[in-house]
Protein backbone atom coordinates (compact mmCIF):
# COMPACT_ATOMS: atom_id res chain seq x y z
CA UNK A 1 36.36 -12.92 -113.05
CA UNK A 2 35.72 -15.86 -114.74
CA UNK A 3 37.92 -18.79 -114.13
CA UNK A 4 40.58 -19.66 -116.96
CA UNK A 5 39.82 -22.64 -118.64
CA UNK A 6 42.87 -25.38 -117.93
CA UNK A 7 45.41 -25.68 -120.76
CA UNK A 8 47.01 -28.81 -121.81
CA UNK A 9 50.72 -28.38 -122.80
CA UNK A 10 52.08 -31.18 -124.96
CA UNK A 11 55.77 -30.46 -126.33
CA UNK A 12 55.49 -32.85 -128.60
CA UNK A 13 51.73 -31.92 -129.82
CA UNK A 14 52.88 -28.54 -130.29
CA UNK A 15 56.19 -29.47 -132.07
CA UNK A 16 54.01 -31.53 -134.60
CA UNK A 17 51.49 -28.79 -135.48
CA UNK A 18 54.48 -26.48 -135.99
CA UNK A 19 55.60 -28.78 -138.41
CA UNK A 20 52.72 -29.39 -139.98
CA UNK A 21 52.09 -25.46 -140.27
CA UNK A 22 55.81 -25.09 -141.09
CA UNK A 23 56.20 -28.17 -144.06
CA UNK A 24 59.72 -27.43 -144.76
CA UNK A 25 60.85 -28.12 -141.34
CA UNK A 26 61.50 -32.09 -140.59
CA UNK A 27 63.16 -33.46 -137.85
CA UNK A 28 66.32 -33.62 -139.42
CA UNK A 29 66.77 -29.92 -139.51
CA UNK A 30 65.69 -29.16 -135.35
CA UNK A 31 68.84 -28.99 -133.40
CA UNK A 32 66.58 -28.01 -130.27
CA UNK A 33 63.04 -27.24 -129.08
CA UNK A 34 62.67 -26.09 -125.69
CA UNK A 35 59.68 -24.62 -123.89
CA UNK A 36 60.00 -20.92 -122.71
CA UNK A 37 57.92 -18.14 -120.89
CA UNK A 38 57.97 -15.13 -123.31
CA UNK A 39 56.95 -12.04 -120.89
CA UNK A 40 53.91 -10.15 -122.09
CA UNK A 41 52.97 -6.34 -120.76
CA UNK A 42 49.49 -6.01 -120.43
CA UNK A 43 48.50 -2.22 -121.08
CA UNK A 44 45.17 -0.14 -120.45
CA UNK A 45 44.99 2.94 -122.71
CA UNK A 46 42.60 5.59 -121.57
CA UNK A 47 41.80 7.94 -124.40
CA UNK A 48 39.01 9.67 -126.38
CA UNK A 49 37.63 7.66 -129.22
CA UNK A 50 36.83 9.17 -132.63
CA UNK A 51 33.57 7.14 -134.17
CA UNK A 52 32.19 7.12 -137.41
CA UNK A 53 28.67 6.08 -137.75
CA UNK A 54 25.72 6.50 -140.17
CA UNK A 55 23.47 9.46 -139.63
CA UNK A 56 19.88 9.20 -139.69
CA UNK A 57 18.59 11.08 -142.11
CA UNK A 58 16.82 13.64 -140.45
CA UNK A 59 19.57 14.41 -137.96
CA UNK A 60 21.71 15.57 -141.06
CA UNK A 61 19.05 17.62 -142.43
CA UNK A 62 18.75 19.50 -139.35
CA UNK A 63 22.53 19.72 -138.58
CA UNK A 64 22.81 21.15 -141.92
CA UNK A 65 19.90 23.55 -141.67
CA UNK A 66 21.36 24.86 -138.03
CA UNK A 67 24.62 25.39 -139.83
CA UNK A 68 22.90 27.69 -142.60
CA UNK A 69 21.84 29.73 -139.80
CA UNK A 70 18.54 28.50 -139.09
CA UNK A 71 19.40 27.66 -135.42
CA UNK A 72 16.04 28.01 -133.68
CA UNK A 73 13.31 24.54 -133.71
CA UNK A 74 10.60 27.04 -135.48
CA UNK A 75 12.79 28.36 -138.26
CA UNK A 76 14.07 24.82 -138.88
CA UNK A 77 10.39 23.03 -138.11
CA UNK A 78 9.38 26.00 -141.12
CA UNK A 79 11.98 25.06 -143.54
CA UNK A 80 11.78 21.35 -143.03
CA UNK A 81 7.87 20.61 -142.57
CA UNK A 82 8.51 19.36 -139.03
CA UNK A 83 7.17 19.60 -136.13
CA UNK A 84 9.01 22.37 -133.79
CA UNK A 85 8.83 20.43 -130.82
CA UNK A 86 10.45 16.97 -132.84
CA UNK A 87 13.26 19.40 -133.74
CA UNK A 88 14.08 20.67 -130.31
CA UNK A 89 14.61 17.03 -129.21
CA UNK A 90 16.69 16.56 -132.02
CA UNK A 91 18.89 19.69 -131.40
CA UNK A 92 19.60 18.18 -127.95
CA UNK A 93 20.70 14.78 -129.41
CA UNK A 94 22.71 16.63 -131.47
CA UNK A 95 24.25 18.80 -128.84
CA UNK A 96 24.54 15.14 -127.10
CA UNK A 97 26.78 14.32 -130.00
CA UNK A 98 28.69 17.52 -129.89
CA UNK A 99 27.75 18.75 -133.11
CA UNK A 100 26.06 22.32 -131.97
CA UNK A 101 26.87 24.69 -128.82
CA UNK A 102 26.35 27.90 -127.97
CA UNK A 103 24.31 28.71 -130.94
CA UNK A 104 26.59 27.32 -133.27
CA UNK A 105 27.89 23.90 -135.17
CA UNK A 106 30.99 23.06 -133.61
CA UNK A 107 34.39 21.86 -135.36
CA UNK A 108 33.06 18.04 -134.93
CA UNK A 109 29.47 18.98 -136.34
CA UNK A 110 31.21 20.86 -139.38
CA UNK A 111 33.48 17.67 -139.98
CA UNK A 112 30.36 15.29 -139.52
CA UNK A 113 28.72 17.60 -142.43
CA UNK A 114 31.29 17.21 -144.66
CA UNK A 115 31.82 13.36 -144.05
CA UNK A 116 28.20 12.69 -144.04
CA UNK A 117 29.21 10.76 -141.03
CA UNK A 118 28.38 11.07 -137.30
CA UNK A 119 31.27 11.70 -135.55
CA UNK A 120 31.58 11.60 -131.86
CA UNK A 121 34.13 11.71 -129.06
CA UNK A 122 34.18 9.10 -126.33
CA UNK A 123 36.54 8.42 -123.27
CA UNK A 124 37.18 4.99 -122.56
CA UNK A 125 39.66 2.38 -121.60
CA UNK A 126 41.24 -0.32 -124.12
CA UNK A 127 43.26 -3.12 -122.97
CA UNK A 128 46.46 -3.79 -125.19
CA UNK A 129 49.15 -6.68 -125.17
CA UNK A 130 52.58 -5.34 -125.57
CA UNK A 131 55.83 -7.67 -126.23
CA UNK A 132 57.98 -7.07 -123.28
CA UNK A 133 61.24 -7.39 -124.98
CA UNK A 134 60.91 -4.59 -127.57
CA UNK A 135 58.04 -2.50 -126.50
CA UNK A 136 55.65 -2.79 -129.41
CA UNK A 137 52.02 -3.35 -129.48
CA UNK A 138 50.79 -6.67 -130.59
CA UNK A 139 48.33 -6.18 -133.70
CA UNK A 140 44.89 -7.97 -133.30
CA UNK A 141 45.46 -10.63 -135.80
CA UNK A 142 48.70 -11.80 -133.42
CA UNK A 143 47.30 -11.42 -130.12
CA UNK A 144 48.08 -14.49 -127.74
CA UNK A 145 44.82 -15.45 -126.45
CA UNK A 146 44.18 -15.57 -122.68
CA UNK A 147 44.09 -19.24 -122.28
CA UNK A 148 47.62 -19.33 -123.38
CA UNK A 149 49.17 -16.51 -121.08
CA UNK A 150 49.68 -17.26 -117.52
CA UNK A 151 50.91 -15.01 -114.26
CA UNK A 152 54.10 -15.93 -112.63
CA UNK A 153 52.30 -18.11 -110.17
CA UNK A 154 51.15 -20.16 -112.64
CA UNK A 155 54.23 -20.79 -114.87
CA UNK A 156 56.24 -24.01 -114.19
CA UNK A 157 59.69 -23.71 -112.59
CA UNK A 158 61.21 -25.72 -114.68
CA UNK A 159 60.38 -23.82 -117.75
CA UNK A 160 62.85 -20.79 -118.41
CA UNK A 161 61.24 -17.69 -118.21
CA UNK A 162 62.98 -14.60 -120.38
CA UNK A 163 63.20 -11.23 -118.60
CA UNK A 164 61.44 -8.93 -119.48
CA UNK A 165 63.20 -5.42 -120.11
CA UNK A 166 62.92 -2.41 -117.82
CA UNK A 167 59.64 -1.14 -120.07
CA UNK A 168 59.11 1.16 -122.86
CA UNK A 169 58.75 5.08 -122.14
CA UNK A 170 55.38 5.79 -121.88
CA UNK A 171 55.95 8.52 -124.78
CA UNK A 172 57.16 5.61 -126.96
CA UNK A 173 54.09 3.75 -126.41
CA UNK A 174 51.79 6.90 -127.30
CA UNK A 175 53.78 7.40 -130.40
CA UNK A 176 52.82 3.91 -131.57
CA UNK A 177 49.33 4.28 -131.01
CA UNK A 178 49.41 7.88 -132.83
CA UNK A 179 51.29 6.58 -135.89
CA UNK A 180 49.79 3.40 -136.50
CA UNK A 181 46.19 2.24 -137.30
CA UNK A 182 44.93 2.32 -133.70
CA UNK A 183 41.89 -0.45 -134.37
CA UNK A 184 44.83 -2.74 -135.49
CA UNK A 185 45.39 -2.87 -131.67
CA UNK A 186 42.82 -2.70 -129.30
CA UNK A 187 41.46 -5.90 -127.87
CA UNK A 188 38.04 -5.16 -126.59
CA UNK A 189 36.25 -4.42 -129.80
CA UNK A 190 32.70 -2.78 -129.25
CA UNK A 191 31.51 -3.13 -132.90
CA UNK A 192 32.02 0.69 -134.09
CA UNK A 193 32.10 0.51 -137.63
CA UNK A 194 35.69 2.75 -137.54
CA UNK A 195 37.30 3.74 -134.30
CA UNK A 196 40.56 6.01 -133.84
CA UNK A 197 42.58 7.58 -131.23
CA UNK A 198 42.11 11.16 -130.72
CA UNK A 199 43.44 11.86 -127.46
CA UNK A 200 45.33 10.10 -124.99
CA UNK A 201 44.80 10.76 -121.74
CA UNK A 202 46.51 7.99 -119.49
CA UNK A 203 48.38 4.89 -120.14
CA UNK A 204 48.53 2.04 -117.17
CA UNK A 205 50.74 -1.05 -116.66
CA UNK A 206 48.32 -3.67 -115.79
CA UNK A 207 50.71 -6.32 -115.33
CA UNK A 208 52.99 -8.93 -116.66
CA UNK A 209 51.88 -12.70 -117.92
CA UNK A 210 54.03 -15.06 -119.62
CA UNK A 211 52.86 -16.82 -122.86
CA UNK A 212 54.30 -20.35 -123.05
CA UNK A 213 56.41 -20.48 -126.17
CA UNK A 214 59.09 -22.32 -127.67
CA UNK A 215 62.41 -21.41 -128.73
CA UNK A 216 63.56 -23.64 -132.13
CA UNK A 217 67.08 -23.70 -133.26
CA UNK A 218 67.37 -25.12 -136.64
CA UNK A 219 70.33 -26.46 -138.49
CA UNK A 220 72.09 -23.36 -140.37
CA UNK A 221 69.85 -20.92 -138.27
CA UNK A 222 70.16 -18.70 -135.49
CA UNK A 223 67.21 -19.82 -132.64
CA UNK A 224 63.70 -17.80 -132.80
CA UNK A 225 60.78 -17.91 -130.76
CA UNK A 226 57.35 -19.24 -131.58
CA UNK A 227 54.25 -18.47 -129.71
CA UNK A 228 50.73 -19.41 -130.69
CA UNK A 229 48.62 -16.58 -131.75
CA UNK A 230 45.02 -16.01 -132.05
CA UNK A 231 43.71 -14.12 -134.99
CA UNK A 232 39.81 -13.53 -134.64
CA UNK A 233 39.60 -11.63 -138.02
CA UNK A 234 39.99 -14.78 -140.14
CA UNK A 235 36.55 -16.73 -141.02
CA UNK A 236 37.35 -20.03 -140.58
CA UNK A 237 38.43 -21.20 -137.11
CA UNK A 238 41.18 -23.60 -138.55
CA UNK A 239 43.25 -20.65 -140.23
CA UNK A 240 42.88 -18.68 -136.81
CA UNK A 241 45.52 -20.61 -134.40
CA UNK A 242 48.95 -20.31 -135.84
CA UNK A 243 52.57 -20.41 -134.24
CA UNK A 244 54.42 -17.19 -135.20
CA UNK A 245 57.47 -15.34 -134.29
CA UNK A 246 57.43 -12.20 -132.75
CA UNK A 247 60.37 -11.05 -134.95
CA UNK A 248 63.66 -12.73 -136.73
CA UNK A 249 67.55 -12.04 -136.90
CA UNK A 250 68.45 -14.77 -139.52
CA UNK A 251 66.76 -14.57 -143.00
CA UNK A 252 67.63 -18.50 -143.45
CA UNK A 253 64.41 -18.80 -141.55
CA UNK A 254 62.50 -17.84 -144.36
CA UNK A 255 63.37 -20.66 -146.44
CA UNK A 256 61.50 -22.83 -144.20
CA UNK A 257 58.48 -20.25 -144.32
CA UNK A 258 58.97 -19.04 -140.97
CA UNK A 259 58.71 -15.11 -140.38
CA UNK A 260 58.25 -14.17 -143.75
CA UNK A 261 56.27 -10.79 -142.66
CA UNK A 262 57.85 -10.68 -139.33
CA UNK A 263 60.14 -7.81 -138.41
CA UNK A 264 63.53 -7.95 -138.00
CA UNK A 265 64.81 -8.64 -134.33
CA UNK A 266 66.56 -5.80 -132.18
CA UNK A 267 70.14 -6.51 -131.12
CA UNK A 268 68.59 -6.91 -127.42
CA UNK A 269 65.64 -9.05 -128.65
CA UNK A 270 68.22 -11.38 -130.25
CA UNK A 271 70.87 -11.44 -127.42
CA UNK A 272 68.06 -12.04 -124.71
CA UNK A 273 66.97 -15.19 -127.00
CA UNK A 274 70.83 -16.48 -127.57
CA UNK A 275 71.19 -16.05 -123.85
CA UNK A 276 68.12 -18.09 -123.08
CA UNK A 277 69.30 -21.08 -125.29
CA UNK A 278 72.72 -20.86 -123.97
CA UNK A 279 70.88 -21.44 -120.23
CA UNK A 280 68.94 -24.21 -121.55
CA UNK A 281 71.92 -25.72 -123.53
CA UNK A 282 74.16 -25.75 -120.36
CA UNK A 283 71.27 -27.39 -118.24
CA UNK A 284 71.02 -29.93 -120.69
CA UNK A 285 75.07 -30.61 -120.46
CA UNK A 286 74.55 -31.27 -116.94
CA UNK A 287 71.43 -33.56 -116.79
CA UNK A 288 71.13 -35.61 -120.13
CA UNK A 289 72.91 -38.70 -120.81
CA UNK A 290 71.61 -41.75 -122.54
CA UNK A 291 69.99 -43.43 -119.97
CA UNK A 292 68.04 -40.44 -119.49
CA UNK A 293 66.83 -40.66 -123.31
CA UNK A 294 65.89 -44.43 -122.73
CA UNK A 295 64.02 -44.02 -119.66
CA UNK A 296 61.83 -41.13 -121.58
CA UNK A 297 61.35 -43.43 -124.42
CA UNK A 298 60.00 -46.43 -122.49
CA UNK A 299 58.12 -44.19 -119.59
CA UNK A 300 56.36 -43.30 -123.12
CA UNK A 301 55.73 -46.72 -124.42
CA UNK A 302 57.59 -49.95 -123.48
CA UNK A 303 59.75 -50.26 -126.47
CA UNK A 304 61.87 -53.69 -126.11
CA UNK A 305 64.91 -51.59 -126.43
CA UNK A 306 67.34 -54.65 -127.42
CA UNK A 307 65.88 -54.92 -130.84
CA UNK A 308 65.89 -50.88 -131.51
CA UNK A 309 68.95 -49.05 -133.22
CA UNK A 310 70.02 -46.09 -131.91
CA UNK A 311 72.02 -43.00 -132.71
CA UNK A 312 72.93 -40.71 -129.95
CA UNK A 313 73.98 -37.27 -131.31
CA UNK A 314 74.79 -34.37 -129.86
CA UNK A 315 71.41 -32.75 -128.67
CA UNK A 316 69.22 -35.28 -129.78
CA UNK A 317 68.46 -39.35 -130.02
CA UNK A 318 67.24 -41.22 -133.09
CA UNK A 319 65.81 -44.46 -132.33
CA UNK A 320 64.71 -47.07 -135.09
CA UNK A 321 61.80 -49.38 -134.42
CA UNK A 322 61.46 -52.58 -135.26
CA UNK A 323 58.52 -55.06 -135.40
CA UNK A 324 60.36 -56.90 -132.65
CA UNK A 325 60.39 -53.70 -130.55
CA UNK A 326 56.85 -53.22 -130.45
CA UNK A 327 54.25 -55.70 -128.31
CA UNK A 328 52.02 -53.90 -126.50
CA UNK A 329 48.63 -52.50 -128.09
CA UNK A 330 47.56 -48.78 -126.78
CA UNK A 331 46.56 -45.57 -127.73
CA UNK A 332 50.10 -44.27 -127.92
CA UNK A 333 51.01 -47.17 -130.38
CA UNK A 334 48.27 -46.04 -132.65
CA UNK A 335 49.32 -42.07 -132.59
CA UNK A 336 52.80 -43.38 -133.02
CA UNK A 337 51.51 -45.60 -136.25
CA UNK A 338 50.25 -42.57 -137.08
CA UNK A 339 53.10 -40.22 -136.96
CA UNK A 340 55.26 -42.91 -139.06
CA UNK A 341 52.52 -43.24 -142.09
CA UNK A 342 52.58 -39.10 -142.05
CA UNK A 343 55.72 -37.97 -141.42
CA UNK A 344 57.89 -40.76 -141.03
CA UNK A 345 58.96 -39.80 -137.49
CA UNK A 346 57.50 -39.42 -133.90
CA UNK A 347 58.32 -37.29 -131.44
CA UNK A 348 58.99 -38.43 -127.78
CA UNK A 349 60.78 -35.12 -126.45
CA UNK A 350 59.77 -33.62 -123.06
CA UNK A 351 60.27 -30.64 -120.77
CA UNK A 352 62.91 -32.80 -119.04
CA UNK A 353 65.43 -33.12 -122.05
CA UNK A 354 65.82 -29.29 -122.05
CA UNK A 355 65.64 -28.86 -125.55
CA UNK A 356 67.28 -31.91 -126.63
CA UNK A 357 65.24 -34.10 -129.51
CA UNK A 358 64.23 -37.80 -129.10
CA UNK A 359 62.56 -39.46 -132.28
CA UNK A 360 61.61 -42.84 -132.90
CA UNK A 361 61.70 -43.59 -136.72
CA UNK A 362 60.34 -46.74 -138.27
CA UNK A 363 62.51 -49.57 -139.93
CA UNK A 364 60.88 -50.45 -143.55
CA UNK A 365 58.75 -53.29 -142.31
CA UNK A 366 57.57 -50.94 -139.55
CA UNK A 367 57.09 -48.11 -142.29
CA UNK A 368 54.74 -50.24 -144.43
CA UNK A 369 52.28 -51.24 -142.13
CA UNK A 370 52.20 -47.44 -140.81
CA UNK A 371 51.31 -46.34 -144.19
CA UNK A 372 48.64 -48.91 -144.75
CA UNK A 373 47.00 -47.81 -141.48
CA UNK A 374 47.39 -43.91 -142.27
CA UNK A 375 45.81 -44.99 -146.05
CA UNK A 376 42.90 -46.66 -143.98
CA UNK A 377 42.24 -44.00 -142.10
CA UNK A 378 42.30 -42.20 -145.24
CA UNK A 379 39.88 -44.09 -146.85
CA UNK A 380 37.21 -44.80 -143.54
CA UNK A 381 38.19 -42.22 -141.07
CA UNK A 382 40.47 -41.94 -137.66
CA UNK A 383 37.47 -43.39 -135.38
CA UNK A 384 36.44 -46.10 -137.20
CA UNK A 385 39.96 -47.80 -137.58
CA UNK A 386 40.35 -46.69 -134.10
CA UNK A 387 37.61 -48.66 -132.77
CA UNK A 388 37.69 -51.73 -134.99
CA UNK A 389 41.17 -52.24 -134.17
CA UNK A 390 40.24 -51.74 -130.41
CA UNK A 391 37.44 -54.37 -130.51
CA UNK A 392 40.35 -56.65 -132.10
CA UNK A 393 43.48 -56.08 -129.43
CA UNK A 394 42.89 -55.64 -126.11
CA UNK A 395 44.41 -52.47 -124.50
CA UNK A 396 47.78 -52.44 -122.73
CA UNK A 397 48.03 -56.22 -123.52
CA UNK A 398 51.28 -57.59 -124.97
CA UNK A 399 51.33 -59.64 -128.52
CA UNK A 400 54.07 -61.61 -130.18
CA UNK A 401 53.23 -60.52 -133.32
CA UNK A 402 51.53 -57.49 -132.82
CA UNK A 403 52.08 -55.29 -136.18
CA UNK A 404 51.48 -58.52 -137.93
CA UNK A 405 48.58 -58.97 -136.70
CA UNK A 406 47.35 -55.21 -136.92
CA UNK A 407 47.92 -55.50 -140.49
CA UNK A 408 45.70 -58.64 -141.01
CA UNK A 409 43.24 -56.88 -139.16
CA UNK A 410 43.57 -53.92 -141.42
CA UNK A 411 43.43 -55.77 -144.42
CA UNK A 412 39.75 -57.16 -143.30
CA UNK A 413 38.77 -54.04 -142.66
CA UNK A 414 36.24 -52.79 -145.84
CA UNK A 415 33.84 -50.05 -146.29
């Protein structure tokens, strides 16, 4: 088996992506955002598939003549003006399709004649993903890529693991495949034009994997879990990766654009989600203090905290950056300025905050320079602006009037 490509997980990058996808979510609405592992059952289904493909014209002619009673190679060859040896080979092919047997056209052959399509039954094993909290098959457009899934040994101990239910009954899984469009769920597409499940021989549980997801608590809403999905049916690559909920229990989430097409959560599902966030909250109460926020903040960037206004609330802390609090030139500063210019906030949360939020917002002076920076990026491109500033300033060096100097340098950068 090929080794899975290492995945880089960043709570701040992922939350930024979610806020871009759902622009109505601003930092003022976010009460908690914590990583969790969501259980996904991998299921293999052994079944007979009914496939529909175009006939070769001569095959359909031979089958129709056979159905009319011309059931020998010689009779068909005479009627159609064909070589009898060629017809004999053609009849063997049709028998292999299951269209003729014992001197007669089979029911499958009759259906093929009526529909004008070569219909075959093939036994295959198909792999599915199943939501292990409610037993629902996950559609192809909502699947979780293999890169986003971890075995229990690959997961991080510090991140909460949601417990899977005891398991959906085999009959329940069978009914889903029979009642829904089978091809909307199967993962291993084989290029068949149209595939349907004809008969299920066996369903086998392959294993339980975990999708790194996030539990999001918005002001005035019940918590919801968002998981990164990969929709291979989208032509544009930028449209393939989306953060979506499996289900929602609070219609208020739709006002933020979340789960507009998602089903209603079951009572048991929501109970699991509520219990998970309670456990995360308990861990936060025991471990998070104002000092913890400052430790995480200064580990990410060496702010001068004495020149920052702070507002520590329940479940979050907001620090306001001034020009006097920013002295060191590095890549983190440039990304922070870009965040300020685009969203007026930069996120500094991490796993150690247990869902609590840590934000840095710019004061007016910093905001003006951040907007200048983003406008220059929009005009000339990120790479050119970044390279230009890297030439003007030494990385990881402190400057007395850094933001003012950056602003002056940007004024000199022209097309």
